PDB file of all heavy atoms in Angstrom:
ATOM      1  N   ILE A   1      24.617 -14.840 114.222  1.00  0.00           N
ATOM      2  CA  ILE A   1      24.736 -14.558 112.793  1.00  0.00           C
ATOM      3  C   ILE A   1      24.006 -13.274 112.417  1.00  0.00           C
ATOM      4  O   ILE A   1      24.501 -12.460 111.647  1.00  0.00           O
ATOM      5  CB  ILE A   1      24.190 -15.744 111.960  1.00  0.00           C
ATOM      6  CG1 ILE A   1      25.073 -16.975 112.193  1.00  0.00           C
ATOM      7  CG2 ILE A   1      24.164 -15.400 110.483  1.00  0.00           C
ATOM      8  CD1 ILE A   1      24.526 -18.239 111.580  1.00  0.00           C
ATOM      9  N   GLY A   2      22.802 -13.068 112.992  1.00  0.00           N
ATOM     10  CA  GLY A   2      22.021 -11.894 112.610  1.00  0.00           C
ATOM     11  C   GLY A   2      21.542 -12.018 111.171  1.00  0.00           C
ATOM     12  O   GLY A   2      21.814 -12.999 110.482  1.00  0.00           O
ATOM     13  N   ASN A   3      20.833 -11.025 110.688  1.00  0.00           N
ATOM     14  CA  ASN A   3      20.394 -11.048 109.288  1.00  0.00           C
ATOM     15  C   ASN A   3      20.178  -9.651 108.723  1.00  0.00           C
ATOM     16  O   ASN A   3      19.517  -9.479 107.712  1.00  0.00           O
ATOM     17  CB  ASN A   3      19.099 -11.859 109.152  1.00  0.00           C
ATOM     18  CG  ASN A   3      17.938 -11.237 109.903  1.00  0.00           C
ATOM     19  OD1 ASN A   3      18.095 -10.237 110.586  1.00  0.00           O
ATOM     20  ND2 ASN A   3      16.778 -11.845 109.781  1.00  0.00           N
ATOM     21  N   TYR A   4      20.764  -8.640 109.384  1.00  0.00           N
ATOM     22  CA  TYR A   4      20.475  -7.275 108.983  1.00  0.00           C
ATOM     23  C   TYR A   4      21.671  -6.393 109.310  1.00  0.00           C
ATOM     24  O   TYR A   4      22.158  -6.390 110.446  1.00  0.00           O
ATOM     25  CB  TYR A   4      19.244  -6.791 109.774  1.00  0.00           C
ATOM     26  CG  TYR A   4      18.462  -5.665 109.156  1.00  0.00           C
ATOM     27  CD1 TYR A   4      18.001  -5.714 107.854  1.00  0.00           C
ATOM     28  CD2 TYR A   4      18.170  -4.520 109.913  1.00  0.00           C
ATOM     29  CE1 TYR A   4      17.254  -4.688 107.306  1.00  0.00           C
ATOM     30  CE2 TYR A   4      17.417  -3.483 109.373  1.00  0.00           C
ATOM     31  CZ  TYR A   4      16.966  -3.574 108.068  1.00  0.00           C
ATOM     32  OH  TYR A   4      16.227  -2.554 107.522  1.00  0.00           O
ATOM     33  N   ILE A   5      22.184  -5.663 108.346  1.00  0.00           N
ATOM     34  CA  ILE A   5      23.259  -4.703 108.561  1.00  0.00           C
ATOM     35  C   ILE A   5      22.696  -3.314 108.311  1.00  0.00           C
ATOM     36  O   ILE A   5      22.081  -3.071 107.268  1.00  0.00           O
ATOM     37  CB  ILE A   5      24.455  -4.974 107.635  1.00  0.00           C
ATOM     38  CG1 ILE A   5      25.110  -6.314 108.018  1.00  0.00           C
ATOM     39  CG2 ILE A   5      25.485  -3.853 107.717  1.00  0.00           C
ATOM     40  CD1 ILE A   5      26.279  -6.692 107.158  1.00  0.00           C
ATOM     41  N   THR A   6      22.867  -2.420 109.276  1.00  0.00           N
ATOM     42  CA  THR A   6      22.224  -1.116 109.193  1.00  0.00           C
ATOM     43  C   THR A   6      23.223   0.033 109.191  1.00  0.00           C
ATOM     44  O   THR A   6      24.349  -0.095 109.674  1.00  0.00           O
ATOM     45  CB  THR A   6      21.252  -0.901 110.368  1.00  0.00           C
ATOM     46  OG1 THR A   6      21.994  -0.906 111.589  1.00  0.00           O
ATOM     47  CG2 THR A   6      20.186  -1.981 110.409  1.00  0.00           C
ATOM     48  N   VAL A   7      22.764   1.140 108.640  1.00  0.00           N
ATOM     49  CA  VAL A   7      23.477   2.404 108.697  1.00  0.00           C
ATOM     50  C   VAL A   7      22.508   3.442 109.232  1.00  0.00           C
ATOM     51  O   VAL A   7      21.422   3.632 108.679  1.00  0.00           O
ATOM     52  CB  VAL A   7      23.988   2.839 107.307  1.00  0.00           C
ATOM     53  CG1 VAL A   7      24.460   4.290 107.342  1.00  0.00           C
ATOM     54  CG2 VAL A   7      25.116   1.941 106.847  1.00  0.00           C
ATOM     55  N   SER A   8      22.878   4.089 110.316  1.00  0.00           N
ATOM     56  CA  SER A   8      22.047   5.140 110.870  1.00  0.00           C
ATOM     57  C   SER A   8      22.088   6.355 109.943  1.00  0.00           C
ATOM     58  O   SER A   8      23.123   6.663 109.357  1.00  0.00           O
ATOM     59  CB  SER A   8      22.550   5.526 112.265  1.00  0.00           C
ATOM     60  OG  SER A   8      21.825   6.621 112.772  1.00  0.00           O
ATOM     61  N   LYS A   9      20.971   7.037 109.816  1.00  0.00           N
ATOM     62  CA  LYS A   9      20.920   8.196 108.923  1.00  0.00           C
ATOM     63  C   LYS A   9      21.876   9.302 109.345  1.00  0.00           C
ATOM     64  O   LYS A   9      22.356  10.065 108.507  1.00  0.00           O
ATOM     65  CB  LYS A   9      19.489   8.739 108.859  1.00  0.00           C
ATOM     66  CG  LYS A   9      18.550   7.849 108.044  1.00  0.00           C
ATOM     67  CD  LYS A   9      17.176   8.466 107.917  1.00  0.00           C
ATOM     68  CE  LYS A   9      16.268   7.577 107.060  1.00  0.00           C
ATOM     69  NZ  LYS A   9      14.903   8.131 106.937  1.00  0.00           N
ATOM     70  N   ASP A  10      22.167   9.376 110.654  1.00  0.00           N
ATOM     71  CA  ASP A  10      23.093  10.419 111.071  1.00  0.00           C
ATOM     72  C   ASP A  10      24.543  10.049 110.784  1.00  0.00           C
ATOM     73  O   ASP A  10      25.463  10.800 111.087  1.00  0.00           O
ATOM     74  CB  ASP A  10      22.911  10.783 112.551  1.00  0.00           C
ATOM     75  CG  ASP A  10      23.082   9.588 113.483  1.00  0.00           C
ATOM     76  OD1 ASP A  10      23.666   8.581 113.049  1.00  0.00           O
ATOM     77  OD2 ASP A  10      22.622   9.661 114.636  1.00  0.00           O
ATOM     78  N   ALA A  11      24.755   8.855 110.174  1.00  0.00           N
ATOM     79  CA  ALA A  11      26.098   8.477 109.727  1.00  0.00           C
ATOM     80  C   ALA A  11      26.290   8.792 108.248  1.00  0.00           C
ATOM     81  O   ALA A  11      27.307   8.445 107.663  1.00  0.00           O
ATOM     82  CB  ALA A  11      26.337   6.986 109.966  1.00  0.00           C
ATOM     83  N   ILE A  12      25.304   9.447 107.642  1.00  0.00           N
ATOM     84  CA  ILE A  12      25.379   9.788 106.226  1.00  0.00           C
ATOM     85  C   ILE A  12      25.741  11.259 106.101  1.00  0.00           C
ATOM     86  O   ILE A  12      25.018  12.136 106.563  1.00  0.00           O
ATOM     87  CB  ILE A  12      24.043   9.508 105.513  1.00  0.00           C
ATOM     88  CG1 ILE A  12      23.687   8.025 105.657  1.00  0.00           C
ATOM     89  CG2 ILE A  12      24.134   9.884 104.040  1.00  0.00           C
ATOM     90  CD1 ILE A  12      22.312   7.674 105.152  1.00  0.00           C
ATOM     91  N   LYS A  13      26.866  11.519 105.475  1.00  0.00           N
ATOM     92  CA  LYS A  13      27.353  12.879 105.330  1.00  0.00           C
ATOM     93  C   LYS A  13      26.625  13.588 104.193  1.00  0.00           C
ATOM     94  O   LYS A  13      26.131  12.953 103.267  1.00  0.00           O
ATOM     95  CB  LYS A  13      28.861  12.871 105.049  1.00  0.00           C
ATOM     96  CG  LYS A  13      29.694  12.272 106.172  1.00  0.00           C
ATOM     97  CD  LYS A  13      31.168  12.264 105.840  1.00  0.00           C
ATOM     98  CE  LYS A  13      31.510  11.229 104.788  1.00  0.00           C
ATOM     99  NZ  LYS A  13      32.961  11.115 104.566  1.00  0.00           N
ATOM    100  N   SER A  14      26.597  14.881 104.275  1.00  0.00           N
ATOM    101  CA  SER A  14      25.995  15.698 103.225  1.00  0.00           C
ATOM    102  C   SER A  14      27.087  16.246 102.334  1.00  0.00           C
ATOM    103  O   SER A  14      27.983  16.946 102.791  1.00  0.00           O
ATOM    104  CB  SER A  14      25.201  16.854 103.855  1.00  0.00           C
ATOM    105  OG  SER A  14      24.697  17.704 102.851  1.00  0.00           O
ATOM    106  N   ASN A  15      27.030  15.896 101.031  1.00  0.00           N
ATOM    107  CA  ASN A  15      28.028  16.352 100.061  1.00  0.00           C
ATOM    108  C   ASN A  15      29.450  15.978 100.476  1.00  0.00           C
ATOM    109  O   ASN A  15      30.390  16.725 100.263  1.00  0.00           O
ATOM    110  CB  ASN A  15      27.944  17.873  99.866  1.00  0.00           C
ATOM    111  CG  ASN A  15      26.615  18.292  99.294  1.00  0.00           C
ATOM    112  OD1 ASN A  15      26.059  17.602  98.441  1.00  0.00           O
ATOM    113  ND2 ASN A  15      26.085  19.414  99.773  1.00  0.00           N
ATOM    114  N   GLY A  16      29.566  14.823 101.142  1.00  0.00           N
ATOM    115  CA  GLY A  16      30.884  14.332 101.527  1.00  0.00           C
ATOM    116  C   GLY A  16      31.475  15.049 102.727  1.00  0.00           C
ATOM    117  O   GLY A  16      32.610  14.849 103.080  1.00  0.00           O
ATOM    118  N   VAL A  17      30.691  15.918 103.373  1.00  0.00           N
ATOM    119  CA  VAL A  17      31.196  16.643 104.537  1.00  0.00           C
ATOM    120  C   VAL A  17      30.259  16.386 105.703  1.00  0.00           C
ATOM    121  O   VAL A  17      29.051  16.291 105.542  1.00  0.00           O
ATOM    122  CB  VAL A  17      31.273  18.163 104.241  1.00  0.00           C
ATOM    123  CG1 VAL A  17      31.810  18.911 105.448  1.00  0.00           C
ATOM    124  CG2 VAL A  17      32.159  18.419 103.035  1.00  0.00           C
ATOM    125  N   LEU A  18      30.803  16.269 106.894  1.00  0.00           N
ATOM    126  CA  LEU A  18      29.982  15.965 108.060  1.00  0.00           C
ATOM    127  C   LEU A  18      29.245  17.192 108.595  1.00  0.00           C
ATOM    128  O   LEU A  18      28.922  17.275 109.764  1.00  0.00           O
ATOM    129  CB  LEU A  18      30.861  15.398 109.186  1.00  0.00           C
ATOM    130  CG  LEU A  18      31.235  13.924 109.057  1.00  0.00           C
ATOM    131  CD1 LEU A  18      32.279  13.570 110.100  1.00  0.00           C
ATOM    132  CD2 LEU A  18      30.028  13.033 109.217  1.00  0.00           C
ATOM    133  N   GLY A  19      28.970  18.145 107.730  1.00  0.00           N
ATOM    134  CA  GLY A  19      28.273  19.346 108.170  1.00  0.00           C
ATOM    135  C   GLY A  19      29.100  20.057 109.228  1.00  0.00           C
ATOM    136  O   GLY A  19      30.315  20.129 109.146  1.00  0.00           O
ATOM    137  N   LYS A  20      28.438  20.589 110.233  1.00  0.00           N
ATOM    138  CA  LYS A  20      29.147  21.274 111.316  1.00  0.00           C
ATOM    139  C   LYS A  20      29.647  20.303 112.371  1.00  0.00           C
ATOM    140  O   LYS A  20      30.469  20.654 113.201  1.00  0.00           O
ATOM    141  CB  LYS A  20      28.214  22.301 111.963  1.00  0.00           C
ATOM    142  CG  LYS A  20      27.834  23.450 111.037  1.00  0.00           C
ATOM    143  CD  LYS A  20      26.948  24.441 111.753  1.00  0.00           C
ATOM    144  CE  LYS A  20      26.576  25.604 110.822  1.00  0.00           C
ATOM    145  NZ  LYS A  20      25.693  26.587 111.504  1.00  0.00           N
ATOM    146  N   ALA A  21      29.141  19.093 112.364  1.00  0.00           N
ATOM    147  CA  ALA A  21      29.533  18.110 113.380  1.00  0.00           C
ATOM    148  C   ALA A  21      30.855  17.451 113.025  1.00  0.00           C
ATOM    149  O   ALA A  21      31.112  17.119 111.871  1.00  0.00           O
ATOM    150  CB  ALA A  21      28.451  17.049 113.527  1.00  0.00           C
ATOM    151  N   THR A  22      31.701  17.259 114.022  1.00  0.00           N
ATOM    152  CA  THR A  22      32.945  16.533 113.819  1.00  0.00           C
ATOM    153  C   THR A  22      32.650  15.033 113.827  1.00  0.00           C
ATOM    154  O   THR A  22      31.553  14.595 114.189  1.00  0.00           O
ATOM    155  CB  THR A  22      33.949  16.849 114.941  1.00  0.00           C
ATOM    156  OG1 THR A  22      33.393  16.377 116.187  1.00  0.00           O
ATOM    157  CG2 THR A  22      34.214  18.340 115.030  1.00  0.00           C
ATOM    158  N   LEU A  23      33.656  14.238 113.470  1.00  0.00           N
ATOM    159  CA  LEU A  23      33.504  12.781 113.519  1.00  0.00           C
ATOM    160  C   LEU A  23      33.175  12.342 114.939  1.00  0.00           C
ATOM    161  O   LEU A  23      32.306  11.489 115.156  1.00  0.00           O
ATOM    162  CB  LEU A  23      34.792  12.110 113.040  1.00  0.00           C
ATOM    163  CG  LEU A  23      34.865  10.586 113.190  1.00  0.00           C
ATOM    164  CD1 LEU A  23      33.778   9.914 112.370  1.00  0.00           C
ATOM    165  CD2 LEU A  23      36.241  10.076 112.781  1.00  0.00           C
ATOM    166  N   GLN A  24      33.849  12.933 115.914  1.00  0.00           N
ATOM    167  CA  GLN A  24      33.627  12.565 117.311  1.00  0.00           C
ATOM    168  C   GLN A  24      32.191  12.878 117.744  1.00  0.00           C
ATOM    169  O   GLN A  24      31.549  12.086 118.441  1.00  0.00           O
ATOM    170  CB  GLN A  24      34.623  13.315 118.213  1.00  0.00           C
ATOM    171  CG  GLN A  24      36.070  12.880 118.038  1.00  0.00           C
ATOM    172  CD  GLN A  24      36.735  13.473 116.795  1.00  0.00           C
ATOM    173  OE1 GLN A  24      36.129  14.272 116.079  1.00  0.00           O
ATOM    174  NE2 GLN A  24      37.963  13.073 116.525  1.00  0.00           N
ATOM    175  N   GLU A  25      31.688  14.046 117.336  1.00  0.00           N
ATOM    176  CA  GLU A  25      30.315  14.420 117.679  1.00  0.00           C
ATOM    177  C   GLU A  25      29.318  13.489 117.008  1.00  0.00           C
ATOM    178  O   GLU A  25      28.309  13.106 117.611  1.00  0.00           O
ATOM    179  CB  GLU A  25      30.048  15.870 117.269  1.00  0.00           C
ATOM    180  CG  GLU A  25      30.788  16.887 118.125  1.00  0.00           C
ATOM    181  CD  GLU A  25      30.759  18.284 117.537  1.00  0.00           C
ATOM    182  OE1 GLU A  25      30.497  18.413 116.315  1.00  0.00           O
ATOM    183  OE2 GLU A  25      31.002  19.241 118.286  1.00  0.00           O
ATOM    184  N   THR A  26      29.617  13.123 115.779  1.00  0.00           N
ATOM    185  CA  THR A  26      28.731  12.213 115.056  1.00  0.00           C
ATOM    186  C   THR A  26      28.681  10.854 115.735  1.00  0.00           C
ATOM    187  O   THR A  26      27.609  10.256 115.884  1.00  0.00           O
ATOM    188  CB  THR A  26      29.211  12.047 113.599  1.00  0.00           C
ATOM    189  OG1 THR A  26      29.247  13.325 112.973  1.00  0.00           O
ATOM    190  CG2 THR A  26      28.286  11.136 112.821  1.00  0.00           C
ATOM    191  N   ILE A  27      29.844  10.343 116.169  1.00  0.00           N
ATOM    192  CA  ILE A  27      29.894   9.068 116.870  1.00  0.00           C
ATOM    193  C   ILE A  27      29.098   9.141 118.160  1.00  0.00           C
ATOM    194  O   ILE A  27      28.305   8.248 118.481  1.00  0.00           O
ATOM    195  CB  ILE A  27      31.364   8.678 117.157  1.00  0.00           C
ATOM    196  CG1 ILE A  27      32.080   8.323 115.853  1.00  0.00           C
ATOM    197  CG2 ILE A  27      31.422   7.508 118.147  1.00  0.00           C
ATOM    198  CD1 ILE A  27      33.573   8.134 116.007  1.00  0.00           C
ATOM    199  N   SER A  28      29.284  10.212 118.922  1.00  0.00           N
ATOM    200  CA  SER A  28      28.568  10.380 120.182  1.00  0.00           C
ATOM    201  C   SER A  28      27.055  10.424 119.957  1.00  0.00           C
ATOM    202  O   SER A  28      26.285   9.779 120.684  1.00  0.00           O
ATOM    203  CB  SER A  28      29.032  11.661 120.875  1.00  0.00           C
ATOM    204  OG  SER A  28      28.325  11.868 122.072  1.00  0.00           O
ATOM    205  N   GLN A  29      26.621  11.176 118.947  1.00  0.00           N
ATOM    206  CA  GLN A  29      25.193  11.259 118.643  1.00  0.00           C
ATOM    207  C   GLN A  29      24.628   9.892 118.277  1.00  0.00           C
ATOM    208  O   GLN A  29      23.520   9.526 118.680  1.00  0.00           O
ATOM    209  CB  GLN A  29      24.968  12.241 117.495  1.00  0.00           C
ATOM    210  CG  GLN A  29      25.227  13.694 117.869  1.00  0.00           C
ATOM    211  CD  GLN A  29      25.288  14.611 116.657  1.00  0.00           C
ATOM    212  OE1 GLN A  29      25.004  14.185 115.538  1.00  0.00           O
ATOM    213  NE2 GLN A  29      25.660  15.863 116.878  1.00  0.00           N
ATOM    214  N   ARG A  30      25.414   9.131 117.525  1.00  0.00           N
ATOM    215  CA  ARG A  30      24.965   7.813 117.091  1.00  0.00           C
ATOM    216  C   ARG A  30      24.826   6.868 118.284  1.00  0.00           C
ATOM    217  O   ARG A  30      23.860   6.107 118.390  1.00  0.00           O
ATOM    218  CB  ARG A  30      25.965   7.241 116.081  1.00  0.00           C
ATOM    219  CG  ARG A  30      25.493   5.998 115.342  1.00  0.00           C
ATOM    220  CD  ARG A  30      26.560   5.553 114.366  1.00  0.00           C
ATOM    221  NE  ARG A  30      26.957   6.652 113.509  1.00  0.00           N
ATOM    222  CZ  ARG A  30      28.200   6.840 113.076  1.00  0.00           C
ATOM    223  NH1 ARG A  30      29.164   6.024 113.452  1.00  0.00           N
ATOM    224  NH2 ARG A  30      28.497   7.847 112.287  1.00  0.00           N
ATOM    225  N   LEU A  31      25.805   6.910 119.192  1.00  0.00           N
ATOM    226  CA  LEU A  31      25.750   6.055 120.370  1.00  0.00           C
ATOM    227  C   LEU A  31      24.566   6.425 121.268  1.00  0.00           C
ATOM    228  O   LEU A  31      23.865   5.547 121.782  1.00  0.00           O
ATOM    229  CB  LEU A  31      27.056   6.163 121.157  1.00  0.00           C
ATOM    230  CG  LEU A  31      28.311   5.586 120.490  1.00  0.00           C
ATOM    231  CD1 LEU A  31      29.552   5.959 121.282  1.00  0.00           C
ATOM    232  CD2 LEU A  31      28.205   4.072 120.341  1.00  0.00           C
ATOM    233  N   LYS A  32      24.332   7.724 121.444  1.00  0.00           N
ATOM    234  CA  LYS A  32      23.203   8.169 122.262  1.00  0.00           C
ATOM    235  C   LYS A  32      21.875   7.741 121.651  1.00  0.00           C
ATOM    236  O   LYS A  32      20.944   7.339 122.366  1.00  0.00           O
ATOM    237  CB  LYS A  32      23.250   9.682 122.433  1.00  0.00           C
ATOM    238  CG  LYS A  32      24.372  10.163 123.334  1.00  0.00           C
ATOM    239  CD  LYS A  32      24.432  11.679 123.389  1.00  0.00           C
ATOM    240  CE  LYS A  32      25.588  12.153 124.273  1.00  0.00           C
ATOM    241  NZ  LYS A  32      25.711  13.633 124.268  1.00  0.00           N
ATOM    242  N   LYS A  33      21.792   7.807 120.328  1.00  0.00           N
ATOM    243  CA  LYS A  33      20.563   7.388 119.653  1.00  0.00           C
ATOM    244  C   LYS A  33      20.332   5.886 119.836  1.00  0.00           C
ATOM    245  O   LYS A  33      19.201   5.432 120.020  1.00  0.00           O
ATOM    246  CB  LYS A  33      20.625   7.737 118.170  1.00  0.00           C
ATOM    247  CG  LYS A  33      19.293   7.569 117.438  1.00  0.00           C
ATOM    248  CD  LYS A  33      19.378   8.085 116.033  1.00  0.00           C
ATOM    249  CE  LYS A  33      19.555   9.581 116.006  1.00  0.00           C
ATOM    250  NZ  LYS A  33      18.358  10.291 116.503  1.00  0.00           N
ATOM    251  N   ARG A  34      21.438   5.107 119.821  1.00  0.00           N
ATOM    252  CA  ARG A  34      21.305   3.662 120.018  1.00  0.00           C
ATOM    253  C   ARG A  34      20.828   3.363 121.436  1.00  0.00           C
ATOM    254  O   ARG A  34      20.010   2.460 121.643  1.00  0.00           O
ATOM    255  CB  ARG A  34      22.639   2.966 119.752  1.00  0.00           C
ATOM    256  CG  ARG A  34      22.545   1.435 119.782  1.00  0.00           C
ATOM    257  CD  ARG A  34      21.514   0.937 118.809  1.00  0.00           C
ATOM    258  NE  ARG A  34      21.324  -0.506 118.871  1.00  0.00           N
ATOM    259  CZ  ARG A  34      20.220  -1.124 118.511  1.00  0.00           C
ATOM    260  NH1 ARG A  34      19.182  -0.433 118.036  1.00  0.00           N
ATOM    261  NH2 ARG A  34      20.113  -2.427 118.608  1.00  0.00           N
ATOM    262  N   VAL A  35      21.315   4.109 122.419  1.00  0.00           N
ATOM    263  CA  VAL A  35      20.841   3.951 123.801  1.00  0.00           C
ATOM    264  C   VAL A  35      19.338   4.220 123.865  1.00  0.00           C
ATOM    265  O   VAL A  35      18.586   3.481 124.522  1.00  0.00           O
ATOM    266  CB  VAL A  35      21.599   4.891 124.757  1.00  0.00           C
ATOM    267  CG1 VAL A  35      20.918   4.936 126.121  1.00  0.00           C
ATOM    268  CG2 VAL A  35      23.041   4.429 124.926  1.00  0.00           C
ATOM    269  N   GLU A  36      18.877   5.260 123.172  1.00  0.00           N
ATOM    270  CA  GLU A  36      17.447   5.580 123.156  1.00  0.00           C
ATOM    271  C   GLU A  36      16.630   4.444 122.550  1.00  0.00           C
ATOM    272  O   GLU A  36      15.580   4.056 123.079  1.00  0.00           O
ATOM    273  CB  GLU A  36      17.206   6.863 122.353  1.00  0.00           C
ATOM    274  CG  GLU A  36      17.729   8.125 123.013  1.00  0.00           C
ATOM    275  CD  GLU A  36      17.537   9.344 122.130  1.00  0.00           C
ATOM    276  OE1 GLU A  36      16.857   9.220 121.085  1.00  0.00           O
ATOM    277  OE2 GLU A  36      18.074  10.422 122.476  1.00  0.00           O
ATOM    278  N   GLN A  37      17.116   3.883 121.442  1.00  0.00           N
ATOM    279  CA  GLN A  37      16.401   2.793 120.779  1.00  0.00           C
ATOM    280  C   GLN A  37      16.323   1.564 121.671  1.00  0.00           C
ATOM    281  O   GLN A  37      15.268   0.929 121.794  1.00  0.00           O
ATOM    282  CB  GLN A  37      17.099   2.446 119.454  1.00  0.00           C
ATOM    283  CG  GLN A  37      17.013   3.532 118.406  1.00  0.00           C
ATOM    284  CD  GLN A  37      17.921   3.273 117.224  1.00  0.00           C
ATOM    285  OE1 GLN A  37      18.890   2.503 117.317  1.00  0.00           O
ATOM    286  NE2 GLN A  37      17.639   3.916 116.095  1.00  0.00           N
ATOM    287  N   LEU A  38      17.429   1.233 122.304  1.00  0.00           N
ATOM    288  CA  LEU A  38      17.458   0.072 123.189  1.00  0.00           C
ATOM    289  C   LEU A  38      16.569   0.290 124.408  1.00  0.00           C
ATOM    290  O   LEU A  38      15.901  -0.639 124.870  1.00  0.00           O
ATOM    291  CB  LEU A  38      18.891  -0.221 123.615  1.00  0.00           C
ATOM    292  CG  LEU A  38      19.802  -0.790 122.528  1.00  0.00           C
ATOM    293  CD1 LEU A  38      21.265  -0.674 122.929  1.00  0.00           C
ATOM    294  CD2 LEU A  38      19.445  -2.239 122.222  1.00  0.00           C
ATOM    295  N   SER A  39      16.564   1.502 124.915  1.00  0.00           N
ATOM    296  CA  SER A  39      15.723   1.814 126.075  1.00  0.00           C
ATOM    297  C   SER A  39      14.251   1.632 125.741  1.00  0.00           C
ATOM    298  O   SER A  39      13.471   1.109 126.556  1.00  0.00           O
ATOM    299  CB  SER A  39      15.984   3.253 126.547  1.00  0.00           C
ATOM    300  OG  SER A  39      17.319   3.394 127.001  1.00  0.00           O
ATOM    301  N   LYS A  40      13.846   2.043 124.541  1.00  0.00           N
ATOM    302  CA  LYS A  40      12.456   1.863 124.122  1.00  0.00           C
ATOM    303  C   LYS A  40      12.108   0.380 124.040  1.00  0.00           C
ATOM    304  O   LYS A  40      11.022  -0.037 124.445  1.00  0.00           O
ATOM    305  CB  LYS A  40      12.219   2.533 122.772  1.00  0.00           C
ATOM    306  CG  LYS A  40      12.189   4.057 122.834  1.00  0.00           C
ATOM    307  CD  LYS A  40      11.963   4.660 121.451  1.00  0.00           C
ATOM    308  CE  LYS A  40      11.943   6.185 121.523  1.00  0.00           C
ATOM    309  NZ  LYS A  40      11.782   6.801 120.176  1.00  0.00           N
TER     310      LYS A  40
END
């Protein structure tokens, strides 16, 4: 069931635009960050 739904800060766009990063790059960065968190 869990009890917490999260949004990573790097999933938050600036002014509705993903900055210079594409959606694919953003997804990759998010997955890599999750690997880092789990590794810790």
